[in-house]
Amino acid sequence: MESAKWAGCIDSVGGEMLARILGQLKYGASAAAIGNAGGVAVPANIIPFLLRGVNLLGIDSVMRPYDERMAAWARIAKDMPKEALEEMTETILLDDLPEAGQKILKGQIKGRLIVDVENS
């Protein structure tokens, strides 16, 4: 196992990717699980939780009241530096989705992919 290096993360893949991330978190770090594209089973052990106090947080973005979701998006828009957003996003075409999906499941994508459906 790699030495812990991440202070926190948001995981939208789940499955094996979430298990890998949990093993790479620093002491006291938190992982927010927001998706399950990689599956709902997390093949992990409890070592990160016991030895490093890692927190796993489940995020429910579907059933949260509308006003709370809008407040969260407003805060992100206000607090997140635009440069950081630009650095973590890449635009792809619709035809690129199958390859991008495979890369996501292999942990080869960092940040966000924006799918340009108008120019695909």
C-alpha atoms as a PDB file:
ATOM      1  CA  MET A   1       0.000   0.000   0.000  1.00  0.00           C
ATOM      2  CA  GLU A   2       1.268   3.492  -0.879  1.00  0.00           C
ATOM      3  CA  SER A   3       1.979   5.829   1.978  1.00  0.00           C
ATOM      4  CA  ALA A   4      -0.916   8.125   2.807  1.00  0.00           C
ATOM      5  CA  LYS A   5      -0.779  11.369   0.863  1.00  0.00           C
ATOM      6  CA  TRP A   6      -4.242  12.890   0.377  1.00  0.00           C
ATOM      7  CA  ALA A   7      -5.722  15.318   2.903  1.00  0.00           C
ATOM      8  CA  GLY A   8      -9.242  14.642   1.610  1.00  0.00           C
ATOM      9  CA  CYS A   9     -11.149  13.813  -1.524  1.00  0.00           C
ATOM     10  CA  ILE A  10     -14.482  13.619  -3.275  1.00  0.00           C
ATOM     11  CA  ASP A  11     -15.032  10.273  -4.989  1.00  0.00           C
ATOM     12  CA  SER A  12     -17.682   9.944  -7.676  1.00  0.00           C
ATOM     13  CA  VAL A  13     -16.663   6.456  -8.815  1.00  0.00           C
ATOM     14  CA  GLY A  14     -17.031   4.188  -5.775  1.00  0.00           C
ATOM     15  CA  GLY A  15     -16.123   0.498  -5.886  1.00  0.00           C
ATOM     16  CA  GLU A  16     -12.428  -0.352  -6.190  1.00  0.00           C
ATOM     17  CA  MET A  17     -11.489   3.291  -6.756  1.00  0.00           C
ATOM     18  CA  LEU A  18     -13.000   4.332  -3.419  1.00  0.00           C
ATOM     19  CA  ALA A  19     -11.172   1.474  -1.684  1.00  0.00           C
ATOM     20  CA  ARG A  20      -7.880   2.633  -3.208  1.00  0.00           C
ATOM     21  CA  ILE A  21      -8.495   6.254  -2.197  1.00  0.00           C
ATOM     22  CA  LEU A  22      -9.280   5.304   1.405  1.00  0.00           C
ATOM     23  CA  GLY A  23      -5.876   3.645   1.650  1.00  0.00           C
ATOM     24  CA  GLN A  24      -4.142   6.819   0.425  1.00  0.00           C
ATOM     25  CA  LEU A  25      -5.685   9.340   2.805  1.00  0.00           C
ATOM     26  CA  LYS A  26      -3.650  11.116   5.478  1.00  0.00           C
ATOM     27  CA  TYR A  27      -4.408  10.874   9.182  1.00  0.00           C
ATOM     28  CA  GLY A  28      -7.801  12.384  10.021  1.00  0.00           C
ATOM     29  CA  ALA A  29      -8.728  12.974   6.367  1.00  0.00           C
ATOM     30  CA  SER A  30     -12.229  12.600   4.948  1.00  0.00           C
ATOM     31  CA  ALA A  31     -13.524  11.079   1.737  1.00  0.00           C
ATOM     32  CA  ALA A  32     -16.926  12.165   0.434  1.00  0.00           C
ATOM     33  CA  ALA A  33     -18.554   9.403  -1.626  1.00  0.00           C
ATOM     34  CA  ILE A  34     -20.955  10.923  -4.152  1.00  0.00           C
ATOM     35  CA  GLY A  35     -21.374   8.226  -6.794  1.00  0.00           C
ATOM     36  CA  ASN A  36     -21.162   4.561  -7.651  1.00  0.00           C
ATOM     37  CA  ALA A  37     -20.153   4.350 -11.332  1.00  0.00           C
ATOM     38  CA  GLY A  38     -17.524   1.773 -10.363  1.00  0.00           C
ATOM     39  CA  GLY A  39     -19.958  -0.323  -8.347  1.00  0.00           C
ATOM     40  CA  VAL A  40     -21.536  -0.363  -4.920  1.00  0.00           C
ATOM     41  CA  ALA A  41     -19.204  -2.938  -3.365  1.00  0.00           C
ATOM     42  CA  VAL A  42     -16.123  -1.389  -1.728  1.00  0.00           C
ATOM     43  CA  PRO A  43     -13.401  -4.050  -1.417  1.00  0.00           C
ATOM     44  CA  ALA A  44     -11.549  -2.340   1.420  1.00  0.00           C
ATOM     45  CA  ASN A  45     -10.369  -3.124   4.929  1.00  0.00           C
ATOM     46  CA  ILE A  46     -10.772  -1.097   8.106  1.00  0.00           C
ATOM     47  CA  ILE A  47      -7.097  -0.182   8.544  1.00  0.00           C
ATOM     48  CA  PRO A  48      -7.489   3.434   7.276  1.00  0.00           C
ATOM     49  CA  PHE A  49     -10.313   3.957   9.763  1.00  0.00           C
ATOM     50  CA  LEU A  50      -8.544   2.371  12.735  1.00  0.00           C
ATOM     51  CA  LEU A  51      -4.955   3.502  12.244  1.00  0.00           C
ATOM     52  CA  ARG A  52      -5.427   6.891  10.576  1.00  0.00           C
ATOM     53  CA  GLY A  53      -8.889   8.009  11.710  1.00  0.00           C
ATOM     54  CA  VAL A  54     -10.147   8.344   8.142  1.00  0.00           C
ATOM     55  CA  ASN A  55     -13.772   9.448   7.708  1.00  0.00           C
ATOM     56  CA  LEU A  56     -16.070   8.188   4.956  1.00  0.00           C
ATOM     57  CA  LEU A  57     -18.949  10.565   4.294  1.00  0.00           C
ATOM     58  CA  GLY A  58     -21.941   9.685   2.159  1.00  0.00           C
ATOM     59  CA  ILE A  59     -23.378  12.628   0.259  1.00  0.00           C
ATOM     60  CA  ASP A  60     -27.050  12.630  -0.724  1.00  0.00           C
ATOM     61  CA  SER A  61     -27.470  15.182  -3.488  1.00  0.00           C
ATOM     62  CA  VAL A  62     -30.792  13.775  -4.696  1.00  0.00           C
ATOM     63  CA  MET A  63     -33.083  14.044  -1.684  1.00  0.00           C
ATOM     64  CA  ARG A  64     -31.550  17.199  -0.128  1.00  0.00           C
ATOM     65  CA  PRO A  65     -34.086  20.007  -0.095  1.00  0.00           C
ATOM     66  CA  TYR A  66     -33.813  22.303  -3.115  1.00  0.00           C
ATOM     67  CA  ASP A  67     -32.911  25.396  -1.077  1.00  0.00           C
ATOM     68  CA  GLU A  68     -30.009  23.563   0.603  1.00  0.00           C
ATOM     69  CA  ARG A  69     -28.656  22.402  -2.768  1.00  0.00           C
ATOM     70  CA  MET A  70     -28.899  25.942  -4.148  1.00  0.00           C
ATOM     71  CA  ALA A  71     -27.076  27.313  -1.081  1.00  0.00           C
ATOM     72  CA  ALA A  72     -24.292  24.748  -1.555  1.00  0.00           C
ATOM     73  CA  TRP A  73     -23.887  25.628  -5.251  1.00  0.00           C
ATOM     74  CA  ALA A  74     -23.878  29.347  -4.409  1.00  0.00           C
ATOM     75  CA  ARG A  75     -21.123  28.816  -1.857  1.00  0.00           C
ATOM     76  CA  ILE A  76     -19.029  26.818  -4.306  1.00  0.00           C
ATOM     77  CA  ALA A  77     -19.473  29.562  -6.931  1.00  0.00           C
ATOM     78  CA  LYS A  78     -18.374  32.191  -4.390  1.00  0.00           C
ATOM     79  CA  ASP A  79     -15.526  30.361  -2.635  1.00  0.00           C
ATOM     80  CA  MET A  80     -13.890  28.303  -5.380  1.00  0.00           C
ATOM     81  CA  PRO A  81     -11.156  30.132  -7.290  1.00  0.00           C
ATOM     82  CA  LYS A  82     -11.977  30.141 -11.018  1.00  0.00           C
ATOM     83  CA  GLU A  83      -8.366  29.183 -11.839  1.00  0.00           C
ATOM     84  CA  ALA A  84      -8.707  26.014  -9.764  1.00  0.00           C
ATOM     85  CA  LEU A  85     -11.855  25.050 -11.641  1.00  0.00           C
ATOM     86  CA  GLU A  86     -10.150  25.587 -15.002  1.00  0.00           C
ATOM     87  CA  GLU A  87      -7.181  23.440 -13.926  1.00  0.00           C
ATOM     88  CA  MET A  88      -9.386  20.513 -12.909  1.00  0.00           C
ATOM     89  CA  THR A  89     -11.693  20.372 -15.945  1.00  0.00           C
ATOM     90  CA  GLU A  90     -11.286  18.967 -19.432  1.00  0.00           C
ATOM     91  CA  THR A  91     -13.833  19.128 -22.247  1.00  0.00           C
ATOM     92  CA  ILE A  92     -14.399  15.992 -24.310  1.00  0.00           C
ATOM     93  CA  LEU A  93     -16.756  15.044 -27.129  1.00  0.00           C
ATOM     94  CA  LEU A  94     -19.636  12.596 -26.820  1.00  0.00           C
ATOM     95  CA  ASP A  95     -17.706  10.093 -28.946  1.00  0.00           C
ATOM     96  CA  ASP A  96     -14.909  10.164 -26.347  1.00  0.00           C
ATOM     97  CA  LEU A  97     -17.184   8.925 -23.531  1.00  0.00           C
ATOM     98  CA  PRO A  98     -16.499   5.152 -23.797  1.00  0.00           C
ATOM     99  CA  GLU A  99     -12.736   5.665 -23.543  1.00  0.00           C
ATOM    100  CA  ALA A 100     -13.138   8.295 -20.810  1.00  0.00           C
ATOM    101  CA  GLY A 101     -15.367   5.948 -18.801  1.00  0.00           C
ATOM    102  CA  GLN A 102     -12.710   3.242 -18.905  1.00  0.00           C
ATOM    103  CA  LYS A 103     -10.048   5.728 -17.798  1.00  0.00           C
ATOM    104  CA  ILE A 104     -12.238   6.866 -14.895  1.00  0.00           C
ATOM    105  CA  LEU A 105     -12.694   3.290 -13.701  1.00  0.00           C
ATOM    106  CA  LYS A 106      -8.914   2.721 -13.920  1.00  0.00           C
ATOM    107  CA  GLY A 107      -8.199   5.853 -11.881  1.00  0.00           C
ATOM    108  CA  GLN A 108      -6.527   7.620 -14.803  1.00  0.00           C
ATOM    109  CA  ILE A 109      -8.700  10.762 -14.714  1.00  0.00           C
ATOM    110  CA  LYS A 110      -8.296  13.551 -12.191  1.00  0.00           C
ATOM    111  CA  GLY A 111     -10.788  16.366 -11.951  1.00  0.00           C
ATOM    112  CA  ARG A 112     -13.923  16.723 -14.048  1.00  0.00           C
ATOM    113  CA  LEU A 113     -14.807  15.956 -17.632  1.00  0.00           C
ATOM    114  CA  ILE A 114     -17.270  18.187 -19.424  1.00  0.00           C
ATOM    115  CA  VAL A 115     -19.039  16.488 -22.314  1.00  0.00           C
ATOM    116  CA  ASP A 116     -19.628  18.844 -25.250  1.00  0.00           C
ATOM    117  CA  VAL A 117     -22.799  17.425 -26.774  1.00  0.00           C
ATOM    118  CA  GLU A 118     -23.322  20.324 -29.179  1.00  0.00           C
ATOM    119  CA  ASN A 119     -20.099  19.777 -31.120  1.00  0.00           C
ATOM    120  CA  SER A 120     -20.100  15.969 -30.973  1.00  0.00           C
END
